[in-house]
Amino acid sequence: MVYKSKIGDIDLTKLTRLYPASVIDMQGEIAEMSLEWTDLYGDKVKVLHFVLVFDFTPPSEEKKVREVLEFETKEELIETMQEVAKLFEK
């Protein structure tokens, strides 16, 4: 199963986690936060952009193996999440 993204083809067969996040700047510290956290506290920090993280890291590995798609808006992120979800419905 392959998702054709703006950064290239992403093979979903070895995907271990798939999650959305916002990337924020909190007093100079850059961090990924959940969308729920951003909905609650986003007005208190600077939201830089949104991401959809395709994590291929095996459970026992420490070195992260990830592909990350970046979006300017939450709406763009949600749209892409829906496209990816359709692949899992088949």
N, C-alpha and C. Protein backbone atom coordinates (compact mmCIF):
# COMPACT_ATOMS: atom_id res chain seq x y z
N MET A 1 0.85 -1.16 0.00
CA MET A 1 0.00 0.00 0.00
C MET A 1 0.91 1.24 0.00
N VAL A 2 0.70 2.10 -0.97
CA VAL A 2 1.57 3.27 -1.14
C VAL A 2 0.72 4.54 -1.18
N TYR A 3 1.16 5.54 -0.41
CA TYR A 3 0.52 6.86 -0.47
C TYR A 3 1.41 7.77 -1.29
N LYS A 4 0.85 8.36 -2.32
CA LYS A 4 1.60 9.27 -3.18
C LYS A 4 1.47 10.68 -2.61
N SER A 5 2.54 11.14 -1.98
CA SER A 5 2.52 12.43 -1.30
C SER A 5 3.32 13.48 -2.06
N LYS A 6 3.29 14.69 -1.55
CA LYS A 6 4.04 15.78 -2.18
C LYS A 6 5.55 15.61 -2.02
N ILE A 7 6.00 14.74 -1.10
CA ILE A 7 7.43 14.49 -0.94
C ILE A 7 7.85 13.18 -1.61
N GLY A 8 6.89 12.50 -2.23
CA GLY A 8 7.19 11.24 -2.90
C GLY A 8 6.30 10.13 -2.38
N ASP A 9 6.53 8.93 -2.90
CA ASP A 9 5.74 7.77 -2.50
C ASP A 9 6.13 7.32 -1.10
N ILE A 10 5.12 7.04 -0.27
CA ILE A 10 5.36 6.55 1.08
C ILE A 10 4.73 5.16 1.18
N ASP A 11 5.60 4.15 1.41
CA ASP A 11 5.15 2.77 1.53
C ASP A 11 4.57 2.57 2.93
N LEU A 12 3.30 2.27 3.01
CA LEU A 12 2.62 2.15 4.30
C LEU A 12 2.66 0.74 4.88
N THR A 13 3.26 -0.20 4.18
CA THR A 13 3.23 -1.60 4.65
C THR A 13 4.00 -1.81 5.95
N LYS A 14 5.01 -1.00 6.23
CA LYS A 14 5.80 -1.18 7.45
C LYS A 14 5.55 -0.06 8.47
N LEU A 15 4.45 0.63 8.30
CA LEU A 15 4.09 1.74 9.19
C LEU A 15 3.80 1.21 10.59
N THR A 16 4.42 1.81 11.61
CA THR A 16 4.14 1.40 12.98
C THR A 16 3.24 2.42 13.70
N ARG A 17 3.36 3.69 13.32
CA ARG A 17 2.50 4.72 13.90
C ARG A 17 2.25 5.80 12.85
N LEU A 18 1.07 6.37 12.91
CA LEU A 18 0.70 7.48 12.03
C LEU A 18 -0.02 8.48 12.91
N TYR A 19 0.51 9.70 12.98
CA TYR A 19 -0.15 10.67 13.86
C TYR A 19 0.02 12.10 13.36
N PRO A 20 -1.00 12.93 13.64
CA PRO A 20 -0.92 14.35 13.32
C PRO A 20 -0.36 15.09 14.53
N ALA A 21 0.21 16.25 14.26
CA ALA A 21 0.71 17.09 15.34
C ALA A 21 0.82 18.53 14.85
N SER A 22 0.95 19.42 15.79
CA SER A 22 1.30 20.80 15.45
C SER A 22 2.74 21.00 15.91
N VAL A 23 3.44 21.86 15.21
CA VAL A 23 4.80 22.21 15.61
C VAL A 23 4.72 23.62 16.14
N ILE A 24 5.12 23.77 17.41
CA ILE A 24 4.97 25.05 18.07
C ILE A 24 6.31 25.62 18.52
N ASP A 25 6.30 26.92 18.74
CA ASP A 25 7.45 27.62 19.32
C ASP A 25 6.97 28.15 20.67
N MET A 26 7.51 27.56 21.74
CA MET A 26 7.14 27.97 23.08
C MET A 26 8.38 28.58 23.74
N GLN A 27 8.48 29.88 23.66
CA GLN A 27 9.60 30.63 24.24
C GLN A 27 10.94 30.12 23.72
N GLY A 28 11.01 29.91 22.42
CA GLY A 28 12.25 29.48 21.79
C GLY A 28 12.44 27.98 21.69
N GLU A 29 11.62 27.22 22.35
CA GLU A 29 11.68 25.76 22.27
C GLU A 29 10.71 25.29 21.19
N ILE A 30 11.19 24.51 20.24
CA ILE A 30 10.36 23.97 19.17
C ILE A 30 9.95 22.56 19.57
N ALA A 31 8.63 22.28 19.47
CA ALA A 31 8.13 20.97 19.90
C ALA A 31 6.93 20.56 19.06
N GLU A 32 6.75 19.24 18.96
CA GLU A 32 5.53 18.69 18.37
C GLU A 32 4.52 18.50 19.49
N MET A 33 3.30 18.96 19.25
CA MET A 33 2.24 18.81 20.23
C MET A 33 1.02 18.20 19.54
N SER A 34 0.17 17.55 20.33
CA SER A 34 -1.05 16.96 19.78
C SER A 34 -2.00 18.07 19.31
N LEU A 35 -2.88 17.70 18.40
CA LEU A 35 -3.87 18.67 17.94
C LEU A 35 -4.80 19.08 19.07
N GLU A 36 -5.10 18.15 19.97
CA GLU A 36 -5.95 18.46 21.11
C GLU A 36 -5.30 19.51 22.00
N TRP A 37 -4.00 19.34 22.26
CA TRP A 37 -3.26 20.30 23.08
C TRP A 37 -3.29 21.67 22.39
N THR A 38 -3.09 21.68 21.08
CA THR A 38 -3.08 22.93 20.33
C THR A 38 -4.44 23.61 20.38
N ASP A 39 -5.51 22.83 20.31
CA ASP A 39 -6.85 23.41 20.41
C ASP A 39 -7.05 24.10 21.76
N LEU A 40 -6.48 23.51 22.81
CA LEU A 40 -6.64 24.08 24.15
C LEU A 40 -5.71 25.25 24.42
N TYR A 41 -4.45 25.16 23.97
CA TYR A 41 -3.43 26.13 24.36
C TYR A 41 -2.78 26.87 23.20
N GLY A 42 -3.26 26.65 21.98
CA GLY A 42 -2.64 27.24 20.80
C GLY A 42 -2.61 28.75 20.80
N ASP A 43 -3.52 29.38 21.52
CA ASP A 43 -3.53 30.84 21.58
C ASP A 43 -2.43 31.39 22.48
N LYS A 44 -1.76 30.52 23.24
CA LYS A 44 -0.70 30.95 24.16
C LYS A 44 0.71 30.72 23.62
N VAL A 45 0.78 30.06 22.45
CA VAL A 45 2.08 29.77 21.82
C VAL A 45 2.00 30.12 20.35
N LYS A 46 3.13 30.10 19.69
CA LYS A 46 3.16 30.34 18.25
C LYS A 46 3.13 28.99 17.53
N VAL A 47 2.07 28.76 16.76
CA VAL A 47 1.97 27.53 15.96
C VAL A 47 2.71 27.79 14.65
N LEU A 48 3.77 27.03 14.42
CA LEU A 48 4.59 27.22 13.22
C LEU A 48 3.97 26.55 12.00
N HIS A 49 3.54 25.31 12.16
CA HIS A 49 2.88 24.56 11.10
C HIS A 49 2.31 23.26 11.68
N PHE A 50 1.69 22.48 10.83
CA PHE A 50 1.13 21.20 11.22
C PHE A 50 1.86 20.10 10.46
N VAL A 51 1.89 18.90 11.05
CA VAL A 51 2.59 17.78 10.42
C VAL A 51 1.77 16.51 10.51
N LEU A 52 1.99 15.63 9.55
CA LEU A 52 1.49 14.27 9.61
C LEU A 52 2.72 13.39 9.59
N VAL A 53 2.90 12.62 10.67
CA VAL A 53 4.11 11.83 10.86
C VAL A 53 3.83 10.37 10.52
N PHE A 54 4.59 9.85 9.58
CA PHE A 54 4.56 8.43 9.22
C PHE A 54 5.78 7.82 9.89
N ASP A 55 5.56 7.07 10.96
CA ASP A 55 6.66 6.51 11.76
C ASP A 55 6.83 5.03 11.42
N PHE A 56 8.02 4.68 10.98
CA PHE A 56 8.33 3.30 10.58
C PHE A 56 9.29 2.64 11.57
N THR A 57 9.53 3.27 12.71
CA THR A 57 10.49 2.78 13.69
C THR A 57 9.97 1.50 14.34
N PRO A 58 10.71 0.40 14.23
CA PRO A 58 10.30 -0.82 14.93
C PRO A 58 10.25 -0.58 16.44
N PRO A 59 9.35 -1.26 17.16
CA PRO A 59 9.17 -1.01 18.59
C PRO A 59 10.45 -1.08 19.44
N SER A 60 11.38 -1.95 19.08
CA SER A 60 12.59 -2.11 19.90
C SER A 60 13.73 -1.18 19.51
N GLU A 61 13.56 -0.37 18.47
CA GLU A 61 14.63 0.50 17.97
C GLU A 61 14.56 1.89 18.59
N GLU A 62 15.72 2.49 18.80
CA GLU A 62 15.77 3.85 19.33
C GLU A 62 15.89 4.88 18.21
N LYS A 63 16.59 4.53 17.13
CA LYS A 63 16.77 5.45 16.02
C LYS A 63 15.45 5.58 15.26
N LYS A 64 14.97 6.81 15.14
CA LYS A 64 13.68 7.08 14.50
C LYS A 64 13.78 6.97 12.98
N VAL A 65 12.81 6.28 12.40
CA VAL A 65 12.69 6.18 10.95
C VAL A 65 11.32 6.77 10.62
N ARG A 66 11.32 8.01 10.09
CA ARG A 66 10.06 8.72 9.88
C ARG A 66 10.06 9.49 8.58
N GLU A 67 8.86 9.68 8.05
CA GLU A 67 8.60 10.61 6.95
C GLU A 67 7.61 11.61 7.51
N VAL A 68 7.82 12.88 7.25
CA VAL A 68 6.96 13.92 7.81
C VAL A 68 6.46 14.83 6.70
N LEU A 69 5.14 14.98 6.63
CA LEU A 69 4.53 15.93 5.71
C LEU A 69 4.17 17.18 6.50
N GLU A 70 4.52 18.35 5.97
CA GLU A 70 4.23 19.62 6.64
C GLU A 70 3.10 20.35 5.93
N PHE A 71 2.28 21.05 6.74
CA PHE A 71 1.13 21.79 6.23
C PHE A 71 1.06 23.16 6.89
N GLU A 72 0.63 24.13 6.13
CA GLU A 72 0.45 25.48 6.66
C GLU A 72 -0.78 25.58 7.56
N THR A 73 -1.83 24.83 7.21
CA THR A 73 -3.08 24.93 7.96
C THR A 73 -3.53 23.56 8.47
N LYS A 74 -4.34 23.61 9.51
CA LYS A 74 -4.92 22.38 10.06
C LYS A 74 -5.86 21.74 9.04
N GLU A 75 -6.55 22.56 8.26
CA GLU A 75 -7.48 22.05 7.26
C GLU A 75 -6.75 21.20 6.21
N GLU A 76 -5.56 21.67 5.76
CA GLU A 76 -4.77 20.90 4.81
C GLU A 76 -4.35 19.56 5.42
N LEU A 77 -3.96 19.59 6.68
CA LEU A 77 -3.58 18.37 7.39
C LEU A 77 -4.75 17.39 7.42
N ILE A 78 -5.92 17.86 7.81
CA ILE A 78 -7.10 17.00 7.93
C ILE A 78 -7.45 16.39 6.56
N GLU A 79 -7.35 17.18 5.51
CA GLU A 79 -7.63 16.69 4.16
C GLU A 79 -6.70 15.53 3.80
N THR A 80 -5.42 15.68 4.09
CA THR A 80 -4.46 14.62 3.80
C THR A 80 -4.71 13.39 4.67
N MET A 81 -5.06 13.61 5.93
CA MET A 81 -5.38 12.48 6.82
C MET A 81 -6.54 11.67 6.25
N GLN A 82 -7.52 12.35 5.68
CA GLN A 82 -8.67 11.65 5.09
C GLN A 82 -8.25 10.86 3.86
N GLU A 83 -7.34 11.40 3.06
CA GLU A 83 -6.83 10.68 1.89
C GLU A 83 -6.11 9.39 2.31
N VAL A 84 -5.27 9.50 3.34
CA VAL A 84 -4.52 8.34 3.83
C VAL A 84 -5.49 7.32 4.42
N ALA A 85 -6.48 7.77 5.16
CA ALA A 85 -7.46 6.87 5.78
C ALA A 85 -8.17 6.03 4.73
N LYS A 86 -8.45 6.59 3.58
CA LYS A 86 -9.13 5.86 2.49
C LYS A 86 -8.31 4.65 2.05
N LEU A 87 -6.99 4.75 2.12
CA LEU A 87 -6.14 3.63 1.73
C LEU A 87 -6.30 2.46 2.70
N PHE A 88 -6.56 2.75 3.96
CA PHE A 88 -6.71 1.70 4.97
C PHE A 88 -8.11 1.08 4.96
N GLU A 89 -9.06 1.72 4.28
CA GLU A 89 -10.43 1.21 4.20
C GLU A 89 -10.56 0.07 3.22
N LYS A 90 -9.61 -0.08 2.33
CA LYS A 90 -9.69 -1.09 1.27
C LYS A 90 -9.43 -2.48 1.81
